[in-house]
Amino acid sequence: MQWKKMRQMFGKMPMRTPIPRVKSQEESNHLLAVAMTRARPRRGERPKNWPRKS
């Protein structure tokens, strides 16, 4: 997965926006869902405990 691209998207995304698909695969969707539930941005900002992979 392109984590850099994901992080850029997530930084600007509000919480309840539907997740845009980076890859149309079940794994990536699952990973996105896990990342979203693990750390919830409140006002669209990235929290401190956001998973960082580069």
PDB file of N, CA and C in Angstrom:
ATOM      1  N   MET A   1       0.836  -1.220   0.000  1.00  0.00           N
ATOM      2  CA  MET A   1       0.000   0.000   0.000  1.00  0.00           C
ATOM      3  C   MET A   1       0.859   1.253   0.000  1.00  0.00           C
ATOM      4  N   GLN A   2       0.299   2.300  -0.564  1.00  0.00           N
ATOM      5  CA  GLN A   2       1.032   3.563  -0.550  1.00  0.00           C
ATOM      6  C   GLN A   2       0.678   4.312   0.731  1.00  0.00           C
ATOM      7  N   TRP A   3       1.514   4.130   1.741  1.00  0.00           N
ATOM      8  CA  TRP A   3       1.202   4.714   3.053  1.00  0.00           C
ATOM      9  C   TRP A   3       1.297   6.228   3.027  1.00  0.00           C
ATOM     10  N   LYS A   4       2.241   6.749   2.218  1.00  0.00           N
ATOM     11  CA  LYS A   4       2.393   8.198   2.152  1.00  0.00           C
ATOM     12  C   LYS A   4       1.107   8.830   1.640  1.00  0.00           C
ATOM     13  N   LYS A   5       0.598   8.260   0.552  1.00  0.00           N
ATOM     14  CA  LYS A   5      -0.624   8.790  -0.049  1.00  0.00           C
ATOM     15  C   LYS A   5      -1.790   8.675   0.941  1.00  0.00           C
ATOM     16  N   MET A   6      -1.864   7.516   1.609  1.00  0.00           N
ATOM     17  CA  MET A   6      -2.927   7.311   2.590  1.00  0.00           C
ATOM     18  C   MET A   6      -2.882   8.373   3.674  1.00  0.00           C
ATOM     19  N   ARG A   7      -1.656   8.625   4.175  1.00  0.00           N
ATOM     20  CA  ARG A   7      -1.528   9.580   5.269  1.00  0.00           C
ATOM     21  C   ARG A   7      -1.949  10.971   4.829  1.00  0.00           C
ATOM     22  N   GLN A   8      -1.581  11.340   3.598  1.00  0.00           N
ATOM     23  CA  GLN A   8      -1.985  12.651   3.095  1.00  0.00           C
ATOM     24  C   GLN A   8      -3.508  12.744   3.056  1.00  0.00           C
ATOM     25  N   MET A   9      -4.152  11.693   2.538  1.00  0.00           N
ATOM     26  CA  MET A   9      -5.611  11.687   2.451  1.00  0.00           C
ATOM     27  C   MET A   9      -6.230  11.769   3.834  1.00  0.00           C
ATOM     28  N   PHE A  10      -5.741  10.910   4.740  1.00  0.00           N
ATOM     29  CA  PHE A  10      -6.349  10.835   6.060  1.00  0.00           C
ATOM     30  C   PHE A  10      -6.197  12.131   6.839  1.00  0.00           C
ATOM     31  N   GLY A  11      -5.111  12.858   6.589  1.00  0.00           N
ATOM     32  CA  GLY A  11      -4.903  14.113   7.297  1.00  0.00           C
ATOM     33  C   GLY A  11      -6.002  15.110   6.990  1.00  0.00           C
ATOM     34  N   LYS A  12      -6.506  15.094   5.757  1.00  0.00           N
ATOM     35  CA  LYS A  12      -7.516  16.070   5.368  1.00  0.00           C
ATOM     36  C   LYS A  12      -8.935  15.552   5.554  1.00  0.00           C
ATOM     37  N   MET A  13      -9.062  14.223   5.749  1.00  0.00           N
ATOM     38  CA  MET A  13     -10.390  13.624   5.798  1.00  0.00           C
ATOM     39  C   MET A  13     -11.088  13.838   7.125  1.00  0.00           C
ATOM     40  N   PRO A  14     -12.360  14.248   7.118  1.00  0.00           N
ATOM     41  CA  PRO A  14     -13.183  14.195   8.324  1.00  0.00           C
ATOM     42  C   PRO A  14     -13.535  12.737   8.644  1.00  0.00           C
ATOM     43  N   MET A  15     -14.046  12.479   9.846  1.00  0.00           N
ATOM     44  CA  MET A  15     -14.171  11.110  10.302  1.00  0.00           C
ATOM     45  C   MET A  15     -15.170  10.292   9.493  1.00  0.00           C
ATOM     46  N   ARG A  16     -16.333  10.846   9.189  1.00  0.00           N
ATOM     47  CA  ARG A  16     -17.378  10.008   8.612  1.00  0.00           C
ATOM     48  C   ARG A  16     -17.445  10.073   7.096  1.00  0.00           C
ATOM     49  N   THR A  17     -16.371  10.547   6.470  1.00  0.00           N
ATOM     50  CA  THR A  17     -16.334  10.529   5.011  1.00  0.00           C
ATOM     51  C   THR A  17     -16.110   9.097   4.547  1.00  0.00           C
ATOM     52  N   PRO A  18     -16.789   8.671   3.499  1.00  0.00           N
ATOM     53  CA  PRO A  18     -16.519   7.342   2.955  1.00  0.00           C
ATOM     54  C   PRO A  18     -15.070   7.242   2.487  1.00  0.00           C
ATOM     55  N   ILE A  19     -14.428   6.111   2.737  1.00  0.00           N
ATOM     56  CA  ILE A  19     -13.006   5.959   2.454  1.00  0.00           C
ATOM     57  C   ILE A  19     -12.782   5.749   0.959  1.00  0.00           C
ATOM     58  N   PRO A  20     -11.979   6.591   0.327  1.00  0.00           N
ATOM     59  CA  PRO A  20     -11.635   6.372  -1.077  1.00  0.00           C
ATOM     60  C   PRO A  20     -10.713   5.159  -1.206  1.00  0.00           C
ATOM     61  N   ARG A  21     -10.906   4.346  -2.221  1.00  0.00           N
ATOM     62  CA  ARG A  21     -10.115   3.122  -2.338  1.00  0.00           C
ATOM     63  C   ARG A  21      -8.774   3.399  -2.999  1.00  0.00           C
ATOM     64  N   VAL A  22      -7.705   3.050  -2.300  1.00  0.00           N
ATOM     65  CA  VAL A  22      -6.370   3.174  -2.868  1.00  0.00           C
ATOM     66  C   VAL A  22      -6.149   2.015  -3.838  1.00  0.00           C
ATOM     67  N   LYS A  23      -6.403   0.799  -3.347  1.00  0.00           N
ATOM     68  CA  LYS A  23      -6.397  -0.368  -4.230  1.00  0.00           C
ATOM     69  C   LYS A  23      -7.738  -1.062  -4.044  1.00  0.00           C
ATOM     70  N   SER A  24      -8.255  -1.631  -5.121  1.00  0.00           N
ATOM     71  CA  SER A  24      -9.547  -2.297  -4.997  1.00  0.00           C
ATOM     72  C   SER A  24      -9.335  -3.740  -4.554  1.00  0.00           C
ATOM     73  N   GLN A  25      -8.773  -3.907  -3.361  1.00  0.00           N
ATOM     74  CA  GLN A  25      -8.561  -5.245  -2.815  1.00  0.00           C
ATOM     75  C   GLN A  25      -9.129  -5.295  -1.412  1.00  0.00           C
ATOM     76  N   GLU A  26      -9.512  -6.502  -1.003  1.00  0.00           N
ATOM     77  CA  GLU A  26     -10.121  -6.628   0.319  1.00  0.00           C
ATOM     78  C   GLU A  26      -9.127  -6.297   1.421  1.00  0.00           C
ATOM     79  N   GLU A  27      -7.854  -6.683   1.218  1.00  0.00           N
ATOM     80  CA  GLU A  27      -6.874  -6.431   2.277  1.00  0.00           C
ATOM     81  C   GLU A  27      -6.746  -4.949   2.558  1.00  0.00           C
ATOM     82  N   SER A  28      -6.590  -4.178   1.477  1.00  0.00           N
ATOM     83  CA  SER A  28      -6.345  -2.751   1.672  1.00  0.00           C
ATOM     84  C   SER A  28      -7.562  -2.109   2.331  1.00  0.00           C
ATOM     85  N   ASN A  29      -8.762  -2.534   1.916  1.00  0.00           N
ATOM     86  CA  ASN A  29      -9.968  -2.004   2.544  1.00  0.00           C
ATOM     87  C   ASN A  29      -9.997  -2.358   4.025  1.00  0.00           C
ATOM     88  N   HIS A  30      -9.614  -3.595   4.337  1.00  0.00           N
ATOM     89  CA  HIS A  30      -9.586  -4.019   5.727  1.00  0.00           C
ATOM     90  C   HIS A  30      -8.579  -3.193   6.516  1.00  0.00           C
ATOM     91  N   LEU A  31      -7.383  -3.006   5.929  1.00  0.00           N
ATOM     92  CA  LEU A  31      -6.352  -2.220   6.602  1.00  0.00           C
ATOM     93  C   LEU A  31      -6.823  -0.792   6.838  1.00  0.00           C
ATOM     94  N   LEU A  32      -7.500  -0.227   5.830  1.00  0.00           N
ATOM     95  CA  LEU A  32      -8.018   1.138   5.973  1.00  0.00           C
ATOM     96  C   LEU A  32      -9.021   1.187   7.123  1.00  0.00           C
ATOM     97  N   ALA A  33      -9.910   0.196   7.154  1.00  0.00           N
ATOM     98  CA  ALA A  33     -10.930   0.169   8.200  1.00  0.00           C
ATOM     99  C   ALA A  33     -10.279   0.050   9.575  1.00  0.00           C
ATOM    100  N   VAL A  34      -9.287  -0.825   9.681  1.00  0.00           N
ATOM    101  CA  VAL A  34      -8.590  -1.010  10.954  1.00  0.00           C
ATOM    102  C   VAL A  34      -7.904   0.285  11.378  1.00  0.00           C
ATOM    103  N   ALA A  35      -7.246   0.923  10.411  1.00  0.00           N
ATOM    104  CA  ALA A  35      -6.549   2.170  10.729  1.00  0.00           C
ATOM    105  C   ALA A  35      -7.544   3.226  11.195  1.00  0.00           C
ATOM    106  N   MET A  36      -8.712   3.279  10.535  1.00  0.00           N
ATOM    107  CA  MET A  36      -9.709   4.285  10.896  1.00  0.00           C
ATOM    108  C   MET A  36     -10.246   4.023  12.298  1.00  0.00           C
ATOM    109  N   THR A  37     -10.532   2.751  12.623  1.00  0.00           N
ATOM    110  CA  THR A  37     -11.116   2.470  13.929  1.00  0.00           C
ATOM    111  C   THR A  37     -10.079   2.592  15.031  1.00  0.00           C
ATOM    112  N   ARG A  38      -8.795   2.314  14.718  1.00  0.00           N
ATOM    113  CA  ARG A  38      -7.770   2.340  15.753  1.00  0.00           C
ATOM    114  C   ARG A  38      -7.546   3.761  16.252  1.00  0.00           C
ATOM    115  N   ALA A  39      -7.429   4.703  15.326  1.00  0.00           N
ATOM    116  CA  ALA A  39      -7.184   6.086  15.724  1.00  0.00           C
ATOM    117  C   ALA A  39      -8.224   6.965  15.052  1.00  0.00           C
ATOM    118  N   ARG A  40      -9.118   7.561  15.845  1.00  0.00           N
ATOM    119  CA  ARG A  40     -10.176   8.354  15.237  1.00  0.00           C
ATOM    120  C   ARG A  40      -9.842   9.832  15.262  1.00  0.00           C
ATOM    121  N   PRO A  41      -9.713  10.443  14.089  1.00  0.00           N
ATOM    122  CA  PRO A  41      -9.542  11.892  14.051  1.00  0.00           C
ATOM    123  C   PRO A  41     -10.855  12.575  14.417  1.00  0.00           C
ATOM    124  N   ARG A  42     -10.823  13.592  15.291  1.00  0.00           N
ATOM    125  CA  ARG A  42     -12.075  14.208  15.729  1.00  0.00           C
ATOM    126  C   ARG A  42     -12.499  15.339  14.816  1.00  0.00           C
ATOM    127  N   ARG A  43     -11.578  16.294  14.602  1.00  0.00           N
ATOM    128  CA  ARG A  43     -11.952  17.427  13.763  1.00  0.00           C
ATOM    129  C   ARG A  43     -11.187  17.400  12.448  1.00  0.00           C
ATOM    130  N   GLY A  44     -10.843  16.195  11.991  1.00  0.00           N
ATOM    131  CA  GLY A  44     -10.133  16.084  10.724  1.00  0.00           C
ATOM    132  C   GLY A  44      -8.622  16.172  10.877  1.00  0.00           C
ATOM    133  N   GLU A  45      -8.132  16.341  12.129  1.00  0.00           N
ATOM    134  CA  GLU A  45      -6.681  16.419  12.300  1.00  0.00           C
ATOM    135  C   GLU A  45      -6.143  15.031  12.630  1.00  0.00           C
ATOM    136  N   ARG A  46      -4.860  14.817  12.383  1.00  0.00           N
ATOM    137  CA  ARG A  46      -4.275  13.522  12.681  1.00  0.00           C
ATOM    138  C   ARG A  46      -3.923  13.433  14.153  1.00  0.00           C
ATOM    139  N   PRO A  47      -4.415  12.411  14.852  1.00  0.00           N
ATOM    140  CA  PRO A  47      -4.055  12.231  16.259  1.00  0.00           C
ATOM    141  C   PRO A  47      -2.604  11.772  16.413  1.00  0.00           C
ATOM    142  N   LYS A  48      -2.099  11.827  17.659  1.00  0.00           N
ATOM    143  CA  LYS A  48      -0.690  11.509  17.901  1.00  0.00           C
ATOM    144  C   LYS A  48      -0.410  10.026  17.694  1.00  0.00           C
ATOM    145  N   ASN A  49      -1.381   9.184  18.008  1.00  0.00           N
ATOM    146  CA  ASN A  49      -1.127   7.745  17.939  1.00  0.00           C
ATOM    147  C   ASN A  49      -1.462   7.153  16.577  1.00  0.00           C
ATOM    148  N   TRP A  50      -1.511   8.002  15.550  1.00  0.00           N
ATOM    149  CA  TRP A  50      -1.801   7.502  14.205  1.00  0.00           C
ATOM    150  C   TRP A  50      -0.689   6.553  13.765  1.00  0.00           C
ATOM    151  N   PRO A  51      -1.061   5.383  13.225  1.00  0.00           N
ATOM    152  CA  PRO A  51      -0.040   4.415  12.802  1.00  0.00           C
ATOM    153  C   PRO A  51       0.814   4.970  11.676  1.00  0.00           C
ATOM    154  N   ARG A  52       2.132   4.996  11.891  1.00  0.00           N
ATOM    155  CA  ARG A  52       3.014   5.552  10.862  1.00  0.00           C
ATOM    156  C   ARG A  52       3.822   4.441  10.228  1.00  0.00           C
ATOM    157  N   LYS A  53       3.636   4.254   8.916  1.00  0.00           N
ATOM    158  CA  LYS A  53       4.485   3.311   8.193  1.00  0.00           C
ATOM    159  C   LYS A  53       5.022   4.034   6.982  1.00  0.00           C
ATOM    160  N   SER A  54       6.339   3.979   6.809  1.00  0.00           N
ATOM    161  CA  SER A  54       6.919   4.605   5.618  1.00  0.00           C
ATOM    162  C   SER A  54       7.888   3.631   4.969  1.00  0.00           C
TER     163      SER A  54
END
